[in-house]
């Protein structure tokens, strides 16, 4: 029997405006992470999450992009 925890979420990072934002809680959805960081970065109010891309080490990287214009 293995003692390795197979329920450990993959490591995630969030890239925004040249910065890497740490994952505040692996159990949060990417959208909730965006909400978490919005008070610190007001421009996140008008942004979208792209990804994830998965690195060689299994890290999931999400890219946060500010929306320009109205996409309705």
N, C-alpha and C. Protein backbone atom coordinates (compact mmCIF):
# COMPACT_ATOMS: atom_id res chain seq x y z
N UNK A 1 0.85 -1.19 0.00
CA UNK A 1 0.00 0.00 0.00
C UNK A 1 0.88 1.24 0.00
N UNK A 2 0.64 2.14 -0.88
CA UNK A 2 1.43 3.36 -1.01
C UNK A 2 0.95 4.41 -0.03
N UNK A 3 1.92 5.14 0.55
CA UNK A 3 1.56 6.22 1.47
C UNK A 3 1.44 7.55 0.73
N UNK A 4 1.63 7.51 -0.58
CA UNK A 4 1.54 8.73 -1.38
C UNK A 4 0.09 9.18 -1.49
N UNK A 5 -0.14 10.48 -1.31
CA UNK A 5 -1.49 11.03 -1.40
C UNK A 5 -1.81 11.31 -2.86
N UNK A 6 -2.75 10.57 -3.42
CA UNK A 6 -3.10 10.76 -4.83
C UNK A 6 -4.15 11.85 -5.02
N UNK A 7 -4.66 12.43 -3.93
CA UNK A 7 -5.66 13.48 -4.02
C UNK A 7 -5.07 14.88 -3.94
N UNK A 8 -3.75 14.99 -3.97
CA UNK A 8 -3.12 16.30 -3.91
C UNK A 8 -3.36 17.02 -5.23
N UNK A 9 -3.95 18.24 -5.17
CA UNK A 9 -4.18 18.97 -6.42
C UNK A 9 -2.86 19.36 -7.07
N UNK A 10 -2.88 19.47 -8.39
CA UNK A 10 -1.69 19.91 -9.12
C UNK A 10 -1.36 21.34 -8.72
N UNK A 11 -0.07 21.66 -8.73
CA UNK A 11 0.35 23.03 -8.43
C UNK A 11 -0.17 23.94 -9.54
N UNK A 12 -0.64 25.13 -9.16
CA UNK A 12 -1.15 26.09 -10.13
C UNK A 12 -0.45 27.43 -9.93
N UNK A 13 -0.25 28.13 -11.04
CA UNK A 13 0.21 29.51 -10.99
C UNK A 13 -0.70 30.32 -11.90
N UNK A 14 -0.76 31.60 -11.61
CA UNK A 14 -1.59 32.52 -12.37
C UNK A 14 -0.71 33.67 -12.83
N UNK A 15 -0.63 33.88 -14.14
CA UNK A 15 0.22 34.94 -14.70
C UNK A 15 -0.66 36.11 -15.11
N UNK A 16 -0.23 37.30 -14.66
CA UNK A 16 -0.98 38.51 -14.97
C UNK A 16 -0.02 39.69 -15.08
N UNK A 17 -0.03 40.35 -16.22
CA UNK A 17 0.72 41.58 -16.41
C UNK A 17 2.19 41.44 -16.02
N UNK A 18 2.80 40.33 -16.41
CA UNK A 18 4.21 40.10 -16.12
C UNK A 18 4.49 39.58 -14.72
N UNK A 19 3.45 39.38 -13.93
CA UNK A 19 3.61 38.88 -12.56
C UNK A 19 3.11 37.44 -12.47
N UNK A 20 3.65 36.72 -11.51
CA UNK A 20 3.13 35.39 -11.18
C UNK A 20 2.41 35.51 -9.85
N UNK A 21 1.12 35.23 -9.87
CA UNK A 21 0.31 35.29 -8.66
C UNK A 21 0.22 33.88 -8.09
N UNK A 22 0.54 33.74 -6.81
CA UNK A 22 0.49 32.44 -6.16
C UNK A 22 -0.95 31.97 -6.02
N UNK A 23 -1.11 30.68 -5.95
CA UNK A 23 -2.42 30.07 -5.76
C UNK A 23 -2.79 30.19 -4.28
N UNK A 24 -3.82 30.99 -3.95
CA UNK A 24 -4.17 31.17 -2.53
C UNK A 24 -4.79 29.94 -1.90
N UNK A 25 -5.44 29.10 -2.71
CA UNK A 25 -6.10 27.90 -2.19
C UNK A 25 -6.35 26.95 -3.36
N UNK A 26 -5.70 25.80 -3.38
CA UNK A 26 -5.87 24.86 -4.50
C UNK A 26 -7.30 24.39 -4.69
N UNK A 27 -8.14 24.56 -3.68
CA UNK A 27 -9.54 24.13 -3.79
C UNK A 27 -10.43 25.18 -4.44
N UNK A 28 -9.91 26.39 -4.63
CA UNK A 28 -10.67 27.46 -5.29
C UNK A 28 -10.68 27.23 -6.79
N UNK A 29 -11.78 27.57 -7.44
CA UNK A 29 -11.81 27.54 -8.90
C UNK A 29 -10.92 28.68 -9.41
N UNK A 30 -10.45 28.60 -10.64
CA UNK A 30 -9.68 29.73 -11.18
C UNK A 30 -10.45 31.05 -11.12
N UNK A 31 -11.76 30.99 -11.31
CA UNK A 31 -12.58 32.20 -11.24
C UNK A 31 -12.58 32.79 -9.82
N UNK A 32 -12.60 31.93 -8.81
CA UNK A 32 -12.55 32.40 -7.42
C UNK A 32 -11.18 32.99 -7.09
N UNK A 33 -10.13 32.44 -7.67
CA UNK A 33 -8.79 33.01 -7.49
C UNK A 33 -8.76 34.42 -8.08
N UNK A 34 -9.38 34.59 -9.24
CA UNK A 34 -9.48 35.91 -9.86
C UNK A 34 -10.19 36.88 -8.93
N UNK A 35 -11.30 36.46 -8.35
CA UNK A 35 -12.04 37.29 -7.39
C UNK A 35 -11.16 37.62 -6.17
N UNK A 36 -10.39 36.66 -5.70
CA UNK A 36 -9.51 36.85 -4.55
C UNK A 36 -8.52 37.99 -4.80
N UNK A 37 -7.94 38.04 -6.00
CA UNK A 37 -6.92 39.03 -6.31
C UNK A 37 -7.47 40.37 -6.80
N UNK A 38 -8.76 40.45 -7.12
CA UNK A 38 -9.33 41.69 -7.64
C UNK A 38 -9.15 42.89 -6.71
N UNK A 39 -9.30 42.77 -5.39
CA UNK A 39 -9.07 43.95 -4.54
C UNK A 39 -7.64 44.50 -4.62
N UNK A 40 -6.68 43.65 -4.97
CA UNK A 40 -5.29 44.09 -5.08
C UNK A 40 -4.96 44.64 -6.46
N UNK A 41 -5.68 44.18 -7.47
CA UNK A 41 -5.42 44.55 -8.87
C UNK A 41 -6.77 44.87 -9.51
N UNK A 42 -7.18 46.13 -9.46
CA UNK A 42 -8.52 46.54 -9.92
C UNK A 42 -8.80 46.14 -11.36
N UNK A 43 -7.76 46.08 -12.20
CA UNK A 43 -7.99 45.74 -13.60
C UNK A 43 -8.48 44.32 -13.80
N UNK A 44 -8.41 43.50 -12.76
CA UNK A 44 -8.93 42.13 -12.86
C UNK A 44 -10.45 42.09 -12.94
N UNK A 45 -11.11 43.22 -12.61
CA UNK A 45 -12.56 43.30 -12.75
C UNK A 45 -13.00 43.06 -14.19
N UNK A 46 -12.14 43.39 -15.13
CA UNK A 46 -12.47 43.27 -16.55
C UNK A 46 -11.44 42.35 -17.22
N UNK A 47 -11.41 41.10 -16.77
CA UNK A 47 -10.40 40.18 -17.30
C UNK A 47 -10.99 38.79 -17.50
N UNK A 48 -10.24 37.98 -18.23
CA UNK A 48 -10.62 36.59 -18.48
C UNK A 48 -9.43 35.69 -18.16
N UNK A 49 -9.74 34.45 -17.83
CA UNK A 49 -8.70 33.47 -17.54
C UNK A 49 -8.57 32.55 -18.75
N UNK A 50 -7.35 32.33 -19.20
CA UNK A 50 -7.08 31.41 -20.31
C UNK A 50 -6.23 30.26 -19.79
N UNK A 51 -6.48 29.09 -20.32
CA UNK A 51 -5.66 27.94 -19.94
C UNK A 51 -6.46 26.94 -19.13
N UNK A 52 -5.74 26.05 -18.54
CA UNK A 52 -4.32 26.11 -18.20
C UNK A 52 -3.43 25.49 -19.27
N UNK A 53 -2.17 25.92 -19.24
CA UNK A 53 -1.13 25.18 -19.93
C UNK A 53 -0.44 24.36 -18.85
N UNK A 54 0.02 23.18 -19.21
CA UNK A 54 0.60 22.29 -18.21
C UNK A 54 2.09 22.13 -18.49
N UNK A 55 2.90 22.49 -17.50
CA UNK A 55 4.35 22.42 -17.63
C UNK A 55 4.86 21.00 -17.49
N UNK A 56 6.15 20.82 -17.77
CA UNK A 56 6.79 19.50 -17.69
C UNK A 56 6.68 18.91 -16.29
N UNK A 57 6.65 19.77 -15.26
CA UNK A 57 6.55 19.29 -13.88
C UNK A 57 5.10 19.11 -13.43
N UNK A 58 4.14 19.33 -14.35
CA UNK A 58 2.73 19.16 -14.02
C UNK A 58 2.05 20.41 -13.52
N UNK A 59 2.79 21.50 -13.37
CA UNK A 59 2.20 22.75 -12.91
C UNK A 59 1.23 23.29 -13.94
N UNK A 60 0.04 23.65 -13.48
CA UNK A 60 -0.96 24.26 -14.36
C UNK A 60 -0.78 25.77 -14.29
N UNK A 61 -0.57 26.39 -15.45
CA UNK A 61 -0.40 27.84 -15.49
C UNK A 61 -1.57 28.46 -16.24
N UNK A 62 -2.25 29.36 -15.53
CA UNK A 62 -3.37 30.09 -16.11
C UNK A 62 -2.89 31.49 -16.46
N UNK A 63 -3.33 32.00 -17.59
CA UNK A 63 -2.99 33.35 -18.01
C UNK A 63 -4.22 34.22 -17.83
N UNK A 64 -4.04 35.34 -17.13
CA UNK A 64 -5.14 36.28 -16.92
C UNK A 64 -4.93 37.45 -17.86
N UNK A 65 -5.93 37.72 -18.69
CA UNK A 65 -5.83 38.80 -19.67
C UNK A 65 -6.96 39.80 -19.45
N UNK A 66 -6.61 41.08 -19.53
CA UNK A 66 -7.61 42.13 -19.43
C UNK A 66 -8.39 42.17 -20.73
N UNK A 67 -9.73 42.18 -20.62
CA UNK A 67 -10.58 42.28 -21.81
C UNK A 67 -10.54 43.71 -22.33
N UNK A 68 -10.45 43.83 -23.64
CA UNK A 68 -10.47 45.15 -24.27
C UNK A 68 -11.73 45.23 -25.11
N UNK A 69 -12.53 46.24 -24.86
CA UNK A 69 -13.78 46.40 -25.60
C UNK A 69 -14.88 45.55 -25.02
N UNK A 70 -16.00 45.54 -25.71
CA UNK A 70 -17.18 44.79 -25.27
C UNK A 70 -17.38 43.62 -26.20
N UNK A 71 -17.33 42.41 -25.66
CA UNK A 71 -17.47 41.21 -26.49
C UNK A 71 -18.89 40.67 -26.52
N UNK A 72 -19.90 41.49 -26.29
CA UNK A 72 -21.29 41.02 -26.29
C UNK A 72 -21.77 40.75 -27.68
